[in-house]
Amino acid sequence: MKRLLLSLMLAVAAAACSPSAPPPPRVAVWQGETSGLLFMRVIATEPLQDARLTTPEGRKILAQRVSLSEPAPASGESWAGRPSVGVGGSAGSSGGFGTGIGLSFPLGGSGGGRAGTAGRATQVEFALDPALLRDYRARPGSWQLELNFGSRVDSLPAPTLR
């Protein structure tokens, strides 16, 4: 029984120490001065390769332009160096058994030198005809935005046009 409990605790500890998934991208949208152009600024940890909007009826619109990624401006928010929790246990041959919980609170820096965890800003441009632009403005939550990062594709509700 002790070995089963120890194995279970070690499995939980190993899962807690595995690298976390990247944070979801942040997206802002605005309409260009030229009618029909939508611009989106995507901030994510990975470089964006392409993007597409999906209308409520299922029509897919590929971005006509995706700018090169650049480091996002410092906003005081960092995705690296978050507090963490660890669980561990041990058992001896004489029947002794011990458990422990550890907490980690980073005191500054970038979280152990994890390069590439800072956000990168990418500008995306979509050209929409006037009818589609009116529909997007009226019900953006019905539209979907797909962001292709190469290793993964994130799908999220399209952001509200301001």
C-alpha atoms as a PDB file:
ATOM      1  CA  MET A   1       0.000   0.000   0.000  1.00  0.00           C
ATOM      2  CA  LYS A   2       2.851   2.356   0.880  1.00  0.00           C
ATOM      3  CA  ARG A   3       4.523   1.714  -2.463  1.00  0.00           C
ATOM      4  CA  LEU A   4       1.306   2.435  -4.322  1.00  0.00           C
ATOM      5  CA  LEU A   5       0.860   5.684  -2.414  1.00  0.00           C
ATOM      6  CA  LEU A   6       4.512   6.606  -3.013  1.00  0.00           C
ATOM      7  CA  SER A   7       4.220   5.862  -6.734  1.00  0.00           C
ATOM      8  CA  LEU A   8       1.075   7.952  -6.942  1.00  0.00           C
ATOM      9  CA  MET A   9       2.728  10.874  -5.144  1.00  0.00           C
ATOM     10  CA  LEU A  10       5.803  10.702  -7.379  1.00  0.00           C
ATOM     11  CA  ALA A  11       3.600  10.680 -10.486  1.00  0.00           C
ATOM     12  CA  VAL A  12       1.744  13.767  -9.226  1.00  0.00           C
ATOM     13  CA  ALA A  13       5.057  15.492  -8.460  1.00  0.00           C
ATOM     14  CA  ALA A  14       6.424  14.689 -11.925  1.00  0.00           C
ATOM     15  CA  ALA A  15       3.277  16.048 -13.571  1.00  0.00           C
ATOM     16  CA  ALA A  16       3.472  19.221 -11.478  1.00  0.00           C
ATOM     17  CA  CYS A  17       7.067  19.796 -12.597  1.00  0.00           C
ATOM     18  CA  SER A  18       6.392  19.322 -16.310  1.00  0.00           C
ATOM     19  CA  PRO A  19       6.549  22.482 -18.431  1.00  0.00           C
ATOM     20  CA  SER A  20       3.246  24.307 -18.665  1.00  0.00           C
ATOM     21  CA  ALA A  21       1.490  25.105 -21.911  1.00  0.00           C
ATOM     22  CA  PRO A  22       2.206  28.550 -23.344  1.00  0.00           C
ATOM     23  CA  PRO A  23      -0.212  31.251 -22.270  1.00  0.00           C
ATOM     24  CA  PRO A  24      -3.036  32.061 -24.669  1.00  0.00           C
ATOM     25  CA  PRO A  25      -2.322  34.823 -27.188  1.00  0.00           C
ATOM     26  CA  ARG A  26      -3.693  38.307 -26.615  1.00  0.00           C
ATOM     27  CA  VAL A  27      -5.366  40.022 -29.563  1.00  0.00           C
ATOM     28  CA  ALA A  28      -6.491  43.613 -30.204  1.00  0.00           C
ATOM     29  CA  VAL A  29      -8.336  44.687 -33.372  1.00  0.00           C
ATOM     30  CA  TRP A  30      -9.022  48.012 -35.078  1.00  0.00           C
ATOM     31  CA  GLN A  31     -10.345  49.180 -38.438  1.00  0.00           C
ATOM     32  CA  GLY A  32      -7.973  50.891 -40.807  1.00  0.00           C
ATOM     33  CA  GLU A  33      -8.636  54.263 -42.379  1.00  0.00           C
ATOM     34  CA  THR A  34      -9.159  52.469 -45.691  1.00  0.00           C
ATOM     35  CA  SER A  35     -12.597  50.870 -45.732  1.00  0.00           C
ATOM     36  CA  GLY A  36     -12.598  47.106 -45.388  1.00  0.00           C
ATOM     37  CA  LEU A  37      -9.239  46.673 -43.683  1.00  0.00           C
ATOM     38  CA  LEU A  38      -9.061  45.092 -40.241  1.00  0.00           C
ATOM     39  CA  PHE A  39      -5.787  45.115 -38.347  1.00  0.00           C
ATOM     40  CA  MET A  40      -5.038  42.809 -35.440  1.00  0.00           C
ATOM     41  CA  ARG A  41      -2.104  42.888 -33.075  1.00  0.00           C
ATOM     42  CA  VAL A  42      -1.327  39.436 -31.696  1.00  0.00           C
ATOM     43  CA  ILE A  43       0.968  39.041 -28.693  1.00  0.00           C
ATOM     44  CA  ALA A  44       2.131  35.470 -28.112  1.00  0.00           C
ATOM     45  CA  THR A  45       5.232  33.578 -27.004  1.00  0.00           C
ATOM     46  CA  GLU A  46       5.738  31.949 -30.425  1.00  0.00           C
ATOM     47  CA  PRO A  47       6.065  33.620 -33.837  1.00  0.00           C
ATOM     48  CA  LEU A  48       2.790  33.724 -35.764  1.00  0.00           C
ATOM     49  CA  GLN A  49       2.879  32.148 -39.232  1.00  0.00           C
ATOM     50  CA  ASP A  50      -0.624  32.924 -40.520  1.00  0.00           C
ATOM     51  CA  ALA A  51      -4.140  33.726 -39.376  1.00  0.00           C
ATOM     52  CA  ARG A  52      -7.673  33.289 -40.649  1.00  0.00           C
ATOM     53  CA  LEU A  53     -11.111  34.535 -39.713  1.00  0.00           C
ATOM     54  CA  THR A  54     -14.111  32.224 -39.938  1.00  0.00           C
ATOM     55  CA  THR A  55     -17.534  33.806 -40.454  1.00  0.00           C
ATOM     56  CA  PRO A  56     -20.593  32.462 -38.584  1.00  0.00           C
ATOM     57  CA  GLU A  57     -21.590  30.742 -41.845  1.00  0.00           C
ATOM     58  CA  GLY A  58     -18.238  28.911 -42.039  1.00  0.00           C
ATOM     59  CA  ARG A  59     -16.475  30.987 -44.722  1.00  0.00           C
ATOM     60  CA  LYS A  60     -12.731  31.210 -44.043  1.00  0.00           C
ATOM     61  CA  ILE A  61     -10.820  34.417 -44.782  1.00  0.00           C
ATOM     62  CA  LEU A  62      -7.030  34.156 -44.827  1.00  0.00           C
ATOM     63  CA  ALA A  63      -5.043  37.162 -43.622  1.00  0.00           C
ATOM     64  CA  GLN A  64      -3.631  39.074 -46.574  1.00  0.00           C
ATOM     65  CA  ARG A  65      -0.560  40.131 -44.601  1.00  0.00           C
ATOM     66  CA  VAL A  66       1.250  38.949 -41.459  1.00  0.00           C
ATOM     67  CA  SER A  67       4.115  41.197 -40.409  1.00  0.00           C
ATOM     68  CA  LEU A  68       7.377  39.901 -39.016  1.00  0.00           C
ATOM     69  CA  SER A  69       7.351  39.288 -35.289  1.00  0.00           C
ATOM     70  CA  GLU A  70       9.055  41.721 -32.977  1.00  0.00           C
ATOM     71  CA  PRO A  71       9.438  41.694 -29.197  1.00  0.00           C
ATOM     72  CA  ALA A  72       6.331  43.058 -27.502  1.00  0.00           C
ATOM     73  CA  PRO A  73       6.709  46.248 -25.504  1.00  0.00           C
ATOM     74  CA  ALA A  74       7.331  45.743 -21.810  1.00  0.00           C
ATOM     75  CA  SER A  75       4.046  45.861 -19.927  1.00  0.00           C
ATOM     76  CA  GLY A  76       5.246  44.764 -16.516  1.00  0.00           C
ATOM     77  CA  GLU A  77       3.738  41.328 -17.151  1.00  0.00           C
ATOM     78  CA  SER A  78       6.023  38.344 -17.511  1.00  0.00           C
ATOM     79  CA  TRP A  79       5.025  34.791 -18.329  1.00  0.00           C
ATOM     80  CA  ALA A  80       8.231  33.388 -16.858  1.00  0.00           C
ATOM     81  CA  GLY A  81       9.068  32.949 -13.208  1.00  0.00           C
ATOM     82  CA  ARG A  82       5.618  32.252 -11.830  1.00  0.00           C
ATOM     83  CA  PRO A  83       5.195  30.846  -8.304  1.00  0.00           C
ATOM     84  CA  SER A  84       5.080  27.047  -8.304  1.00  0.00           C
ATOM     85  CA  VAL A  85       4.172  24.143  -6.022  1.00  0.00           C
ATOM     86  CA  GLY A  86       5.882  20.750  -5.744  1.00  0.00           C
ATOM     87  CA  VAL A  87       4.876  17.564  -3.887  1.00  0.00           C
ATOM     88  CA  GLY A  88       7.226  14.755  -2.910  1.00  0.00           C
ATOM     89  CA  GLY A  89       7.469  11.679  -0.745  1.00  0.00           C
ATOM     90  CA  SER A  90       9.942   9.077   0.433  1.00  0.00           C
ATOM     91  CA  ALA A  91       9.821   5.644   2.025  1.00  0.00           C
ATOM     92  CA  GLY A  92      12.563   3.709   3.774  1.00  0.00           C
ATOM     93  CA  SER A  93      13.178  -0.030   4.059  1.00  0.00           C
ATOM     94  CA  SER A  94      12.477   0.069   7.813  1.00  0.00           C
ATOM     95  CA  GLY A  95       8.938   1.268   7.269  1.00  0.00           C
ATOM     96  CA  GLY A  96       9.526   5.017   7.557  1.00  0.00           C
ATOM     97  CA  PHE A  97       7.504   7.234   5.269  1.00  0.00           C
ATOM     98  CA  GLY A  98       7.671  10.988   4.660  1.00  0.00           C
ATOM     99  CA  THR A  99       5.924  13.530   2.499  1.00  0.00           C
ATOM    100  CA  GLY A 100       6.561  17.159   1.693  1.00  0.00           C
ATOM    101  CA  ILE A 101       5.184  20.114  -0.151  1.00  0.00           C
ATOM    102  CA  GLY A 102       7.437  22.834  -1.558  1.00  0.00           C
ATOM    103  CA  LEU A 103       6.557  26.346  -2.667  1.00  0.00           C
ATOM    104  CA  SER A 104       8.642  28.531  -4.958  1.00  0.00           C
ATOM    105  CA  PHE A 105       8.313  32.311  -5.202  1.00  0.00           C
ATOM    106  CA  PRO A 106      10.677  33.980  -7.718  1.00  0.00           C
ATOM    107  CA  LEU A 107      12.312  37.138  -6.382  1.00  0.00           C
ATOM    108  CA  GLY A 108      13.024  38.855  -9.686  1.00  0.00           C
ATOM    109  CA  GLY A 109      14.846  38.189 -12.904  1.00  0.00           C
ATOM    110  CA  SER A 110      13.386  36.375 -15.867  1.00  0.00           C
ATOM    111  CA  GLY A 111      12.625  33.022 -14.301  1.00  0.00           C
ATOM    112  CA  GLY A 112      15.819  31.075 -14.774  1.00  0.00           C
ATOM    113  CA  GLY A 113      16.881  32.223 -18.205  1.00  0.00           C
ATOM    114  CA  ARG A 114      14.050  30.661 -20.178  1.00  0.00           C
ATOM    115  CA  ALA A 115      14.717  32.317 -23.499  1.00  0.00           C
ATOM    116  CA  GLY A 116      11.810  32.987 -25.805  1.00  0.00           C
ATOM    117  CA  THR A 117       9.097  33.219 -23.131  1.00  0.00           C
ATOM    118  CA  ALA A 118       8.558  36.956 -23.549  1.00  0.00           C
ATOM    119  CA  GLY A 119       5.677  37.943 -25.784  1.00  0.00           C
ATOM    120  CA  ARG A 120       6.178  38.788 -29.444  1.00  0.00           C
ATOM    121  CA  ALA A 121       3.906  41.236 -31.243  1.00  0.00           C
ATOM    122  CA  THR A 122       2.736  40.474 -34.777  1.00  0.00           C
ATOM    123  CA  GLN A 123       0.444  42.644 -36.897  1.00  0.00           C
ATOM    124  CA  VAL A 124      -2.129  40.842 -39.046  1.00  0.00           C
ATOM    125  CA  GLU A 125      -4.189  42.476 -41.822  1.00  0.00           C
ATOM    126  CA  PHE A 126      -7.533  41.231 -43.171  1.00  0.00           C
ATOM    127  CA  ALA A 127      -9.393  42.723 -46.153  1.00  0.00           C
ATOM    128  CA  LEU A 128     -13.181  42.417 -45.749  1.00  0.00           C
ATOM    129  CA  ASP A 129     -15.897  43.609 -48.121  1.00  0.00           C
ATOM    130  CA  PRO A 130     -18.345  46.146 -46.575  1.00  0.00           C
ATOM    131  CA  ALA A 131     -21.057  43.541 -45.867  1.00  0.00           C
ATOM    132  CA  LEU A 132     -18.629  41.282 -43.994  1.00  0.00           C
ATOM    133  CA  LEU A 133     -17.202  44.234 -42.092  1.00  0.00           C
ATOM    134  CA  ARG A 134     -20.722  45.247 -40.960  1.00  0.00           C
ATOM    135  CA  ASP A 135     -21.401  41.657 -39.867  1.00  0.00           C
ATOM    136  CA  TYR A 136     -18.086  41.483 -37.972  1.00  0.00           C
ATOM    137  CA  ARG A 137     -18.853  44.769 -36.195  1.00  0.00           C
ATOM    138  CA  ALA A 138     -22.401  43.611 -35.312  1.00  0.00           C
ATOM    139  CA  ARG A 139     -21.515  40.176 -33.922  1.00  0.00           C
ATOM    140  CA  PRO A 140     -17.780  39.599 -33.438  1.00  0.00           C
ATOM    141  CA  GLY A 141     -18.379  36.840 -30.867  1.00  0.00           C
ATOM    142  CA  SER A 142     -19.923  34.715 -33.639  1.00  0.00           C
ATOM    143  CA  TRP A 143     -16.723  34.900 -35.684  1.00  0.00           C
ATOM    144  CA  GLN A 144     -13.687  32.711 -34.945  1.00  0.00           C
ATOM    145  CA  LEU A 145     -10.018  33.644 -35.212  1.00  0.00           C
ATOM    146  CA  GLU A 146      -7.485  30.903 -35.947  1.00  0.00           C
ATOM    147  CA  LEU A 147      -3.836  31.651 -35.228  1.00  0.00           C
ATOM    148  CA  ASN A 148      -1.270  29.278 -36.760  1.00  0.00           C
ATOM    149  CA  PHE A 149       2.000  29.164 -34.835  1.00  0.00           C
ATOM    150  CA  GLY A 150       3.439  26.244 -36.817  1.00  0.00           C
ATOM    151  CA  SER A 151       3.583  23.828 -33.893  1.00  0.00           C
ATOM    152  CA  ARG A 152      -0.026  24.525 -32.893  1.00  0.00           C
ATOM    153  CA  VAL A 153      -3.176  26.337 -34.043  1.00  0.00           C
ATOM    154  CA  ASP A 154      -5.158  28.352 -31.490  1.00  0.00           C
ATOM    155  CA  SER A 155      -8.833  29.007 -32.174  1.00  0.00           C
ATOM    156  CA  LEU A 156     -10.600  31.736 -30.213  1.00  0.00           C
ATOM    157  CA  PRO A 157     -13.575  34.065 -30.573  1.00  0.00           C
ATOM    158  CA  ALA A 158     -12.727  37.076 -32.714  1.00  0.00           C
ATOM    159  CA  PRO A 159     -12.027  40.217 -30.672  1.00  0.00           C
ATOM    160  CA  THR A 160     -14.513  43.092 -30.560  1.00  0.00           C
ATOM    161  CA  LEU A 161     -13.914  45.906 -33.025  1.00  0.00           C
ATOM    162  CA  ARG A 162     -13.749  49.276 -31.281  1.00  0.00           C
END
